[in-house]
PDB file of N, CA and C in Angstrom:
ATOM      1  N   MET A   1     -10.463  -1.280  -0.290  1.00  0.00           N
ATOM      2  CA  MET A   1      -9.048  -1.028  -0.451  1.00  0.00           C
ATOM      3  C   MET A   1      -8.876  -0.166  -1.678  1.00  0.00           C
ATOM      4  N   LEU A   2      -8.239   0.930  -1.386  1.00  0.00           N
ATOM      5  CA  LEU A   2      -7.941   2.000  -2.643  1.00  0.00           C
ATOM      6  C   LEU A   2      -6.743   2.861  -2.341  1.00  0.00           C
ATOM      7  N   ASN A   3      -6.479   3.459  -3.468  1.00  0.00           N
ATOM      8  CA  ASN A   3      -5.286   4.411  -3.261  1.00  0.00           C
ATOM      9  C   ASN A   3      -5.984   5.787  -3.783  1.00  0.00           C
ATOM     10  N   TYR A   4      -5.675   6.943  -2.977  1.00  0.00           N
ATOM     11  CA  TYR A   4      -6.219   8.006  -3.261  1.00  0.00           C
ATOM     12  C   TYR A   4      -5.098   9.283  -3.247  1.00  0.00           C
ATOM     13  N   PRO A   5      -5.124  10.124  -4.284  1.00  0.00           N
ATOM     14  CA  PRO A   5      -5.750  10.068  -5.453  1.00  0.00           C
ATOM     15  C   PRO A   5      -5.362   8.958  -6.616  1.00  0.00           C
ATOM     16  N   ASN A   6      -6.049   8.732  -7.466  1.00  0.00           N
ATOM     17  CA  ASN A   6      -5.679   7.707  -8.431  1.00  0.00           C
ATOM     18  C   ASN A   6      -6.534   8.107  -9.692  1.00  0.00           C
ATOM     19  N   PRO A   7      -5.838   8.605 -10.620  1.00  0.00           N
ATOM     20  CA  PRO A   7      -4.402   8.667 -10.986  1.00  0.00           C
ATOM     21  C   PRO A   7      -3.775   9.720 -10.068  1.00  0.00           C
ATOM     22  N   PHE A   8      -2.435   9.680  -9.893  1.00  0.00           N
ATOM     23  CA  PHE A   8      -1.723  10.738  -9.106  1.00  0.00           C
ATOM     24  C   PHE A   8      -0.450  11.131  -9.919  1.00  0.00           C
ATOM     25  N   VAL A   9       0.026  12.435  -9.436  1.00  0.00           N
ATOM     26  CA  VAL A   9       1.056  12.983 -10.051  1.00  0.00           C
ATOM     27  C   VAL A   9       2.260  12.949  -8.906  1.00  0.00           C
ATOM     28  N   ASP A  10       2.131  13.489  -7.837  1.00  0.00           N
ATOM     29  CA  ASP A  10       3.203  13.585  -6.835  1.00  0.00           C
ATOM     30  C   ASP A  10       3.081  12.543  -5.710  1.00  0.00           C
ATOM     31  N   ALA A  11       1.960  12.052  -5.348  1.00  0.00           N
ATOM     32  CA  ALA A  11       1.889  11.195  -4.179  1.00  0.00           C
ATOM     33  C   ALA A  11       0.468  10.585  -4.099  1.00  0.00           C
ATOM     34  N   THR A  12       0.372   9.437  -3.557  1.00  0.00           N
ATOM     35  CA  THR A  12      -0.939   8.736  -3.277  1.00  0.00           C
ATOM     36  C   THR A  12      -0.877   8.153  -1.890  1.00  0.00           C
ATOM     37  N   CYS A  13      -2.094   7.859  -1.509  1.00  0.00           N
ATOM     38  CA  CYS A  13      -2.190   7.260  -0.087  1.00  0.00           C
ATOM     39  C   CYS A  13      -3.127   5.976  -0.228  1.00  0.00           C
ATOM     40  N   PHE A  14      -2.559   4.842   0.352  1.00  0.00           N
ATOM     41  CA  PHE A  14      -3.191   3.622   0.473  1.00  0.00           C
ATOM     42  C   PHE A  14      -4.030   3.575   1.615  1.00  0.00           C
ATOM     43  N   GLN A  15      -5.363   3.195   1.362  1.00  0.00           N
ATOM     44  CA  GLN A  15      -6.261   3.022   2.449  1.00  0.00           C
ATOM     45  C   GLN A  15      -7.026   1.700   2.329  1.00  0.00           C
ATOM     46  N   PHE A  16      -7.330   1.136   3.529  1.00  0.00           N
ATOM     47  CA  PHE A  16      -8.015  -0.146   3.503  1.00  0.00           C
ATOM     48  C   PHE A  16      -8.754  -0.434   4.750  1.00  0.00           C
ATOM     49  N   GLU A  17      -9.772  -1.401   4.868  1.00  0.00           N
ATOM     50  CA  GLU A  17     -10.313  -1.676   6.122  1.00  0.00           C
ATOM     51  C   GLU A  17      -9.776  -3.036   6.553  1.00  0.00           C
ATOM     52  N   HIS A  18      -9.804  -3.383   7.771  1.00  0.00           N
ATOM     53  CA  HIS A  18      -9.341  -4.558   8.297  1.00  0.00           C
ATOM     54  C   HIS A  18     -10.082  -4.909   9.755  1.00  0.00           C
ATOM     55  N   THR A  19      -9.679  -6.069  10.121  1.00  0.00           N
ATOM     56  CA  THR A  19     -10.382  -6.563  11.376  1.00  0.00           C
ATOM     57  C   THR A  19      -9.469  -6.675  12.502  1.00  0.00           C
ATOM     58  N   ALA A  20      -8.270  -5.873  12.582  1.00  0.00           N
ATOM     59  CA  ALA A  20      -7.434  -6.173  13.636  1.00  0.00           C
ATOM     60  C   ALA A  20      -7.343  -4.616  14.498  1.00  0.00           C
ATOM     61  N   ALA A  21      -8.305  -3.978  14.696  1.00  0.00           N
ATOM     62  CA  ALA A  21      -8.387  -2.818  15.584  1.00  0.00           C
ATOM     63  C   ALA A  21      -7.664  -3.158  16.926  1.00  0.00           C
ATOM     64  N   GLY A  22      -6.931  -2.199  17.334  1.00  0.00           N
ATOM     65  CA  GLY A  22      -6.209  -2.248  18.628  1.00  0.00           C
ATOM     66  C   GLY A  22      -5.048  -3.304  18.673  1.00  0.00           C
ATOM     67  N   GLN A  23      -4.679  -3.761  17.569  1.00  0.00           N
ATOM     68  CA  GLN A  23      -3.581  -4.832  17.617  1.00  0.00           C
ATOM     69  C   GLN A  23      -2.378  -4.372  17.018  1.00  0.00           C
ATOM     70  N   PHE A  24      -1.255  -4.812  17.081  1.00  0.00           N
ATOM     71  CA  PHE A  24       0.030  -4.506  16.497  1.00  0.00           C
ATOM     72  C   PHE A  24      -0.003  -5.217  15.299  1.00  0.00           C
ATOM     73  N   VAL A  25       0.215  -4.437  14.193  1.00  0.00           N
ATOM     74  CA  VAL A  25       0.098  -5.057  12.835  1.00  0.00           C
ATOM     75  C   VAL A  25       1.300  -4.874  11.998  1.00  0.00           C
ATOM     76  N   GLU A  26       1.660  -5.550  11.047  1.00  0.00           N
ATOM     77  CA  GLU A  26       2.605  -5.365   9.989  1.00  0.00           C
ATOM     78  C   GLU A  26       1.928  -5.388   8.777  1.00  0.00           C
ATOM     79  N   VAL A  27       2.155  -4.243   8.095  1.00  0.00           N
ATOM     80  CA  VAL A  27       1.419  -3.980   6.645  1.00  0.00           C
ATOM     81  C   VAL A  27       2.361  -3.628   5.757  1.00  0.00           C
ATOM     82  N   GLN A  28       2.292  -4.496   4.478  1.00  0.00           N
ATOM     83  CA  GLN A  28       3.102  -4.265   3.489  1.00  0.00           C
ATOM     84  C   GLN A  28       2.417  -3.956   2.094  1.00  0.00           C
ATOM     85  N   VAL A  29       2.882  -2.929   1.489  1.00  0.00           N
ATOM     86  CA  VAL A  29       2.301  -2.641   0.147  1.00  0.00           C
ATOM     87  C   VAL A  29       3.303  -2.919  -0.952  1.00  0.00           C
ATOM     88  N   ASP A  30       2.983  -3.767  -1.840  1.00  0.00           N
ATOM     89  CA  ASP A  30       3.814  -4.097  -2.960  1.00  0.00           C
ATOM     90  C   ASP A  30       3.359  -3.588  -4.300  1.00  0.00           C
ATOM     91  N   VAL A  31       4.134  -2.698  -4.913  1.00  0.00           N
ATOM     92  CA  VAL A  31       3.806  -2.099  -6.264  1.00  0.00           C
ATOM     93  C   VAL A  31       4.553  -2.883  -7.403  1.00  0.00           C
ATOM     94  N   TYR A  32       3.884  -3.355  -8.473  1.00  0.00           N
ATOM     95  CA  TYR A  32       4.358  -4.069  -9.391  1.00  0.00           C
ATOM     96  C   TYR A  32       4.112  -3.447 -10.885  1.00  0.00           C
ATOM     97  N   THR A  33       5.090  -3.597 -11.851  1.00  0.00           N
ATOM     98  CA  THR A  33       4.871  -3.113 -13.215  1.00  0.00           C
ATOM     99  C   THR A  33       3.686  -4.021 -13.670  1.00  0.00           C
ATOM    100  N   SER A  34       3.223  -3.739 -14.837  1.00  0.00           N
ATOM    101  CA  SER A  34       2.098  -4.546 -15.457  1.00  0.00           C
ATOM    102  C   SER A  34       2.570  -5.930 -16.017  1.00  0.00           C
ATOM    103  N   SER A  35       3.954  -6.024 -16.138  1.00  0.00           N
ATOM    104  CA  SER A  35       4.604  -7.403 -16.374  1.00  0.00           C
ATOM    105  C   SER A  35       4.808  -8.104 -15.251  1.00  0.00           C
ATOM    106  N   GLY A  36       4.619  -7.616 -14.055  1.00  0.00           N
ATOM    107  CA  GLY A  36       4.689  -8.275 -12.766  1.00  0.00           C
ATOM    108  C   GLY A  36       6.121  -8.230 -12.003  1.00  0.00           C
ATOM    109  N   ARG A  37       6.891  -7.306 -12.397  1.00  0.00           N
ATOM    110  CA  ARG A  37       8.127  -7.018 -11.582  1.00  0.00           C
ATOM    111  C   ARG A  37       7.845  -5.928 -10.606  1.00  0.00           C
ATOM    112  N   ARG A  38       8.248  -6.348  -9.153  1.00  0.00           N
ATOM    113  CA  ARG A  38       7.918  -5.580  -8.146  1.00  0.00           C
ATOM    114  C   ARG A  38       8.967  -4.504  -8.205  1.00  0.00           C
ATOM    115  N   VAL A  39       8.514  -3.158  -8.005  1.00  0.00           N
ATOM    116  CA  VAL A  39       9.404  -1.964  -8.061  1.00  0.00           C
ATOM    117  C   VAL A  39       9.297  -1.235  -6.694  1.00  0.00           C
ATOM    118  N   ARG A  40       8.333  -1.605  -5.932  1.00  0.00           N
ATOM    119  CA  ARG A  40       8.414  -0.965  -4.595  1.00  0.00           C
ATOM    120  C   ARG A  40       7.796  -1.680  -3.474  1.00  0.00           C
ATOM    121  N   SER A  41       8.373  -1.669  -2.297  1.00  0.00           N
ATOM    122  CA  SER A  41       7.687  -2.290  -1.184  1.00  0.00           C
ATOM    123  C   SER A  41       7.625  -1.189   0.005  1.00  0.00           C
ATOM    124  N   LEU A  42       6.462  -0.903   0.461  1.00  0.00           N
ATOM    125  CA  LEU A  42       6.208  -0.023   1.605  1.00  0.00           C
ATOM    126  C   LEU A  42       5.795  -0.738   2.894  1.00  0.00           C
ATOM    127  N   ARG A  43       6.286  -0.375   3.951  1.00  0.00           N
ATOM    128  CA  ARG A  43       5.946  -1.127   5.147  1.00  0.00           C
ATOM    129  C   ARG A  43       5.414  -0.161   6.279  1.00  0.00           C
ATOM    130  N   PHE A  44       4.585  -0.671   7.113  1.00  0.00           N
ATOM    131  CA  PHE A  44       3.994  -0.008   8.227  1.00  0.00           C
ATOM    132  C   PHE A  44       3.912  -1.118   9.388  1.00  0.00           C
ATOM    133  N   ASP A  45       4.633  -0.699  10.444  1.00  0.00           N
ATOM    134  CA  ASP A  45       4.704  -1.608  11.603  1.00  0.00           C
ATOM    135  C   ASP A  45       4.121  -0.689  12.840  1.00  0.00           C
ATOM    136  N   GLY A  46       3.053  -1.134  13.366  1.00  0.00           N
ATOM    137  CA  GLY A  46       2.458  -0.264  14.521  1.00  0.00           C
ATOM    138  C   GLY A  46       1.076  -0.625  14.953  1.00  0.00           C
ATOM    139  N   LEU A  47       0.706   0.071  15.882  1.00  0.00           N
ATOM    140  CA  LEU A  47      -0.724  -0.291  16.375  1.00  0.00           C
ATOM    141  C   LEU A  47      -1.825   0.176  15.445  1.00  0.00           C
ATOM    142  N   ALA A  48      -2.757  -0.829  15.058  1.00  0.00           N
ATOM    143  CA  ALA A  48      -3.996  -0.401  14.221  1.00  0.00           C
ATOM    144  C   ALA A  48      -4.991   0.258  15.087  1.00  0.00           C
ATOM    145  N   GLU A  49      -5.076   1.562  14.773  1.00  0.00           N
ATOM    146  CA  GLU A  49      -6.095   2.377  15.460  1.00  0.00           C
ATOM    147  C   GLU A  49      -7.420   2.316  14.677  1.00  0.00           C
ATOM    148  N   GLY A  50      -8.437   1.796  15.210  1.00  0.00           N
ATOM    149  CA  GLY A  50      -9.738   1.524  14.482  1.00  0.00           C
ATOM    150  C   GLY A  50      -9.561   0.293  13.543  1.00  0.00           C
ATOM    151  N   ASN A  51     -10.582   0.322  12.595  1.00  0.00           N
ATOM    152  CA  ASN A  51     -10.518  -0.879  11.767  1.00  0.00           C
ATOM    153  C   ASN A  51     -10.356  -0.329  10.283  1.00  0.00           C
ATOM    154  N   ARG A  52      -9.686   0.834  10.097  1.00  0.00           N
ATOM    155  CA  ARG A  52      -9.487   1.386   8.790  1.00  0.00           C
ATOM    156  C   ARG A  52      -8.110   2.043   8.775  1.00  0.00           C
ATOM    157  N   PHE A  53      -7.279   1.788   7.799  1.00  0.00           N
ATOM    158  CA  PHE A  53      -6.064   2.737   7.503  1.00  0.00           C
ATOM    159  C   PHE A  53      -6.696   3.598   6.382  1.00  0.00           C
ATOM    160  N   GLY A  54      -6.616   5.017   6.767  1.00  0.00           N
ATOM    161  CA  GLY A  54      -7.005   6.001   5.868  1.00  0.00           C
ATOM    162  C   GLY A  54      -6.866   7.190   6.337  1.00  0.00           C
ATOM    163  N   ASN A  55      -7.112   8.338   5.661  1.00  0.00           N
ATOM    164  CA  ASN A  55      -7.104   9.661   6.058  1.00  0.00           C
ATOM    165  C   ASN A  55      -5.903  10.043   6.903  1.00  0.00           C
ATOM    166  N   THR A  56      -5.867   9.838   8.210  1.00  0.00           N
ATOM    167  CA  THR A  56      -4.671  10.250   9.050  1.00  0.00           C
ATOM    168  C   THR A  56      -3.715   9.074   9.203  1.00  0.00           C
ATOM    169  N   ASN A  57      -4.007   7.953   8.968  1.00  0.00           N
ATOM    170  CA  ASN A  57      -3.021   6.906   9.237  1.00  0.00           C
ATOM    171  C   ASN A  57      -2.919   6.044   7.960  1.00  0.00           C
ATOM    172  N   CYS A  58      -2.799   6.748   6.674  1.00  0.00           N
ATOM    173  CA  CYS A  58      -2.774   5.932   5.649  1.00  0.00           C
ATOM    174  C   CYS A  58      -1.252   5.638   5.242  1.00  0.00           C
ATOM    175  N   ILE A  59      -0.998   4.791   4.376  1.00  0.00           N
ATOM    176  CA  ILE A  59       0.357   4.650   3.814  1.00  0.00           C
ATOM    177  C   ILE A  59       0.621   5.386   2.620  1.00  0.00           C
ATOM    178  N   ALA A  60       1.411   6.353   2.714  1.00  0.00           N
ATOM    179  CA  ALA A  60       1.717   7.389   1.682  1.00  0.00           C
ATOM    180  C   ALA A  60       2.801   6.822   0.808  1.00  0.00           C
ATOM    181  N   TRP A  61       2.781   7.182  -0.394  1.00  0.00           N
ATOM    182  CA  TRP A  61       3.841   6.847  -1.383  1.00  0.00           C
ATOM    183  C   TRP A  61       4.002   7.900  -2.413  1.00  0.00           C
ATOM    184  N   ASP A  62       5.247   8.260  -2.641  1.00  0.00           N
ATOM    185  CA  ASP A  62       5.700   9.296  -3.570  1.00  0.00           C
ATOM    186  C   ASP A  62       5.943   8.966  -5.049  1.00  0.00           C
ATOM    187  N   GLY A  63       5.464   7.802  -5.375  1.00  0.00           N
ATOM    188  CA  GLY A  63       5.810   7.326  -6.787  1.00  0.00           C
ATOM    189  C   GLY A  63       7.161   6.994  -7.151  1.00  0.00           C
ATOM    190  N   THR A  64       8.088   6.660  -6.179  1.00  0.00           N
ATOM    191  CA  THR A  64       9.510   6.242  -6.562  1.00  0.00           C
ATOM    192  C   THR A  64       9.594   4.750  -6.356  1.00  0.00           C
ATOM    193  N   ASP A  65      10.737   4.303  -6.790  1.00  0.00           N
ATOM    194  CA  ASP A  65      10.875   2.685  -6.707  1.00  0.00           C
ATOM    195  C   ASP A  65      11.735   2.619  -5.474  1.00  0.00           C
ATOM    196  N   ASP A  66      12.206   1.323  -5.309  1.00  0.00           N
ATOM    197  CA  ASP A  66      12.951   1.001  -3.999  1.00  0.00           C
ATOM    198  C   ASP A  66      14.287   1.726  -3.960  1.00  0.00           C
ATOM    199  N   PHE A  67      14.832   2.266  -5.135  1.00  0.00           N
ATOM    200  CA  PHE A  67      16.149   3.025  -5.132  1.00  0.00           C
ATOM    201  C   PHE A  67      15.878   4.370  -5.182  1.00  0.00           C
ATOM    202  N   GLY A  68      14.666   4.895  -4.974  1.00  0.00           N
ATOM    203  CA  GLY A  68      14.443   6.471  -5.091  1.00  0.00           C
ATOM    204  C   GLY A  68      14.144   6.978  -6.271  1.00  0.00           C
ATOM    205  N   GLN A  69      14.222   6.228  -7.391  1.00  0.00           N
ATOM    206  CA  GLN A  69      13.901   6.803  -8.667  1.00  0.00           C
ATOM    207  C   GLN A  69      12.418   6.914  -8.949  1.00  0.00           C
ATOM    208  N   GLU A  70      12.114   8.082  -9.654  1.00  0.00           N
ATOM    209  CA  GLU A  70      10.655   8.139 -10.000  1.00  0.00           C
ATOM    210  C   GLU A  70      10.270   7.048 -10.976  1.00  0.00           C
ATOM    211  N   LEU A  71       9.068   6.644 -10.831  1.00  0.00           N
ATOM    212  CA  LEU A  71       8.630   5.642 -11.886  1.00  0.00           C
ATOM    213  C   LEU A  71       8.034   6.264 -13.085  1.00  0.00           C
ATOM    214  N   ALA A  72       8.098   5.761 -14.274  1.00  0.00           N
ATOM    215  CA  ALA A  72       7.641   6.166 -15.394  1.00  0.00           C
ATOM    216  C   ALA A  72       6.061   6.282 -15.452  1.00  0.00           C
ATOM    217  N   ARG A  73       5.562   7.244 -16.049  1.00  0.00           N
ATOM    218  CA  ARG A  73       4.072   7.391 -16.321  1.00  0.00           C
ATOM    219  C   ARG A  73       3.528   5.989 -16.838  1.00  0.00           C
ATOM    220  N   GLY A  74       2.358   5.568 -16.227  1.00  0.00           N
ATOM    221  CA  GLY A  74       1.741   4.372 -16.727  1.00  0.00           C
ATOM    222  C   GLY A  74       0.828   3.634 -15.646  1.00  0.00           C
ATOM    223  N   VAL A  75       0.577   2.511 -15.942  1.00  0.00           N
ATOM    224  CA  VAL A  75      -0.412   1.718 -15.027  1.00  0.00           C
ATOM    225  C   VAL A  75       0.455   0.664 -14.253  1.00  0.00           C
ATOM    226  N   TYR A  76       0.230   0.598 -12.959  1.00  0.00           N
ATOM    227  CA  TYR A  76       0.921  -0.312 -12.075  1.00  0.00           C
ATOM    228  C   TYR A  76      -0.145  -1.038 -11.235  1.00  0.00           C
ATOM    229  N   LEU A  77       0.394  -2.121 -10.796  1.00  0.00           N
ATOM    230  CA  LEU A  77      -0.511  -2.968  -9.986  1.00  0.00           C
ATOM    231  C   LEU A  77      -0.046  -2.891  -8.511  1.00  0.00           C
ATOM    232  N   TYR A  78      -0.861  -3.084  -7.458  1.00  0.00           N
ATOM    233  CA  TYR A  78      -0.465  -3.133  -6.127  1.00  0.00           C
ATOM    234  C   TYR A  78      -1.199  -4.213  -5.449  1.00  0.00           C
ATOM    235  N   ARG A  79      -0.543  -4.672  -4.257  1.00  0.00           N
ATOM    236  CA  ARG A  79      -1.267  -5.578  -3.260  1.00  0.00           C
ATOM    237  C   ARG A  79      -0.788  -5.370  -1.864  1.00  0.00           C
ATOM    238  N   ILE A  80      -1.869  -5.324  -0.998  1.00  0.00           N
ATOM    239  CA  ILE A  80      -1.580  -5.132   0.341  1.00  0.00           C
ATOM    240  C   ILE A  80      -1.682  -6.360   1.253  1.00  0.00           C
ATOM    241  N   SER A  81      -0.639  -6.552   1.987  1.00  0.00           N
ATOM    242  CA  SER A  81      -0.616  -7.768   2.890  1.00  0.00           C
ATOM    243  C   SER A  81      -0.350  -7.224   4.345  1.00  0.00           C
ATOM    244  N   MET A  82      -1.195  -7.990   5.246  1.00  0.00           N
ATOM    245  CA  MET A  82      -1.069  -7.524   6.573  1.00  0.00           C
ATOM    246  C   MET A  82      -1.167  -8.880   7.485  1.00  0.00           C
ATOM    247  N   ARG A  83      -0.518  -8.747   8.537  1.00  0.00           N
ATOM    248  CA  ARG A  83      -0.483  -9.749   9.651  1.00  0.00           C
ATOM    249  C   ARG A  83      -0.487  -9.122  10.957  1.00  0.00           C
ATOM    250  N   THR A  84      -1.042  -9.822  12.003  1.00  0.00           N
ATOM    251  CA  THR A  84      -1.005  -9.194  13.295  1.00  0.00           C
ATOM    252  C   THR A  84       0.288  -9.856  13.997  1.00  0.00           C
ATOM    253  N   GLU A  85       0.666  -9.174  15.110  1.00  0.00           N
ATOM    254  CA  GLU A  85       1.739  -9.634  15.904  1.00  0.00           C
ATOM    255  C   GLU A  85       1.535 -11.166  16.219  1.00  0.00           C
ATOM    256  N   GLY A  86       2.551 -11.912  16.103  1.00  0.00           N
ATOM    257  CA  GLY A  86       2.528 -13.313  16.295  1.00  0.00           C
ATOM    258  C   GLY A  86       1.858 -14.137  15.161  1.00  0.00           C
ATOM    259  N   GLY A  87       1.370 -13.319  14.124  1.00  0.00           N
ATOM    260  CA  GLY A  87       0.890 -14.060  13.022  1.00  0.00           C
ATOM    261  C   GLY A  87      -0.483 -14.755  13.177  1.00  0.00           C
ATOM    262  N   THR A  88      -1.205 -14.272  14.283  1.00  0.00           N
ATOM    263  CA  THR A  88      -2.480 -14.931  14.573  1.00  0.00           C
ATOM    264  C   THR A  88      -3.535 -14.632  13.387  1.00  0.00           C
ATOM    265  N   ARG A  89      -3.408 -13.471  12.756  1.00  0.00           N
ATOM    266  CA  ARG A  89      -4.275 -13.141  11.616  1.00  0.00           C
ATOM    267  C   ARG A  89      -3.419 -12.817  10.427  1.00  0.00           C
ATOM    268  N   SER A  90      -3.596 -13.078   9.290  1.00  0.00           N
ATOM    269  CA  SER A  90      -2.826 -12.567   8.113  1.00  0.00           C
ATOM    270  C   SER A  90      -3.668 -12.735   6.964  1.00  0.00           C
ATOM    271  N   GLY A  91      -3.319 -11.878   5.896  1.00  0.00           N
ATOM    272  CA  GLY A  91      -4.057 -11.935   4.720  1.00  0.00           C
ATOM    273  C   GLY A  91      -3.440 -11.027   3.488  1.00  0.00           C
ATOM    274  N   SER A  92      -3.820 -11.238   2.431  1.00  0.00           N
ATOM    275  CA  SER A  92      -3.471 -10.437   1.303  1.00  0.00           C
ATOM    276  C   SER A  92      -4.650 -10.101   0.422  1.00  0.00           C
ATOM    277  N   SER A  93      -4.626  -8.868  -0.043  1.00  0.00           N
ATOM    278  CA  SER A  93      -5.528  -8.405  -1.040  1.00  0.00           C
ATOM    279  C   SER A  93      -5.488  -8.884  -2.377  1.00  0.00           C
ATOM    280  N   ASP A  94      -6.511  -8.724  -3.249  1.00  0.00           N
ATOM    281  CA  ASP A  94      -6.392  -8.992  -4.649  1.00  0.00           C
ATOM    282  C   ASP A  94      -5.413  -7.841  -5.129  1.00  0.00           C
ATOM    283  N   PHE A  95      -5.138  -7.963  -6.464  1.00  0.00           N
ATOM    284  CA  PHE A  95      -4.347  -6.858  -7.083  1.00  0.00           C
ATOM    285  C   PHE A  95      -5.285  -5.830  -7.424  1.00  0.00           C
ATOM    286  N   GLU A  96      -4.748  -4.636  -7.374  1.00  0.00           N
ATOM    287  CA  GLU A  96      -5.605  -3.421  -7.734  1.00  0.00           C
ATOM    288  C   GLU A  96      -4.675  -2.470  -8.700  1.00  0.00           C
ATOM    289  N   ARG A  97      -5.333  -1.707  -9.520  1.00  0.00           N
ATOM    290  CA  ARG A  97      -4.407  -0.780 -10.339  1.00  0.00           C
ATOM    291  C   ARG A  97      -4.315   0.521  -9.811  1.00  0.00           C
ATOM    292  N   LEU A  98      -3.174   1.179 -10.283  1.00  0.00           N
ATOM    293  CA  LEU A  98      -3.063   2.568  -9.981  1.00  0.00           C
ATOM    294  C   LEU A  98      -2.329   3.188 -11.146  1.00  0.00           C
ATOM    295  N   VAL A  99      -2.502   4.539 -11.376  1.00  0.00           N
ATOM    296  CA  VAL A  99      -1.930   5.209 -12.490  1.00  0.00           C
ATOM    297  C   VAL A  99      -1.026   6.351 -11.989  1.00  0.00           C
ATOM    298  N   VAL A 100       0.136   6.342 -12.550  1.00  0.00           N
ATOM    299  CA  VAL A 100       1.191   7.285 -12.322  1.00  0.00           C
ATOM    300  C   VAL A 100       1.164   8.242 -13.539  1.00  0.00           C
ATOM    301  N   LEU A 101       0.912   9.549 -13.282  1.00  0.00           N
ATOM    302  CA  LEU A 101       0.867  10.573 -14.375  1.00  0.00           C
ATOM    303  C   LEU A 101       2.022  11.505 -14.473  1.00  0.00           C
ATOM    304  N   LYS A 102       3.071  11.206 -13.848  1.00  0.00           N
ATOM    305  CA  LYS A 102       4.343  12.133 -13.914  1.00  0.00           C
ATOM    306  C   LYS A 102       4.868  12.342 -15.184  1.00  0.00           C
TER     307      LYS A 102
END
């Protein structure tokens, strides 16, 4: 799991590997301040092509919060959660760091 580029100025893209190729999935990326306040939730619902979200099917983010405001420069944490249709498989990643340089 990673976001690229990191650090970023205008946008970043979340990429990760999974074991649900060919299944309908619900993916959520939650971004938090270093003090633990959630500032953004991104969702993707759709067919998982292959076993990797990345390059052409990554989850893009423009560095804004849930209200469309640009986040301040600094270090943030994120976590990715995914589940398959019907909840047959689900899981969450560990927290990772990203850096906003705006």
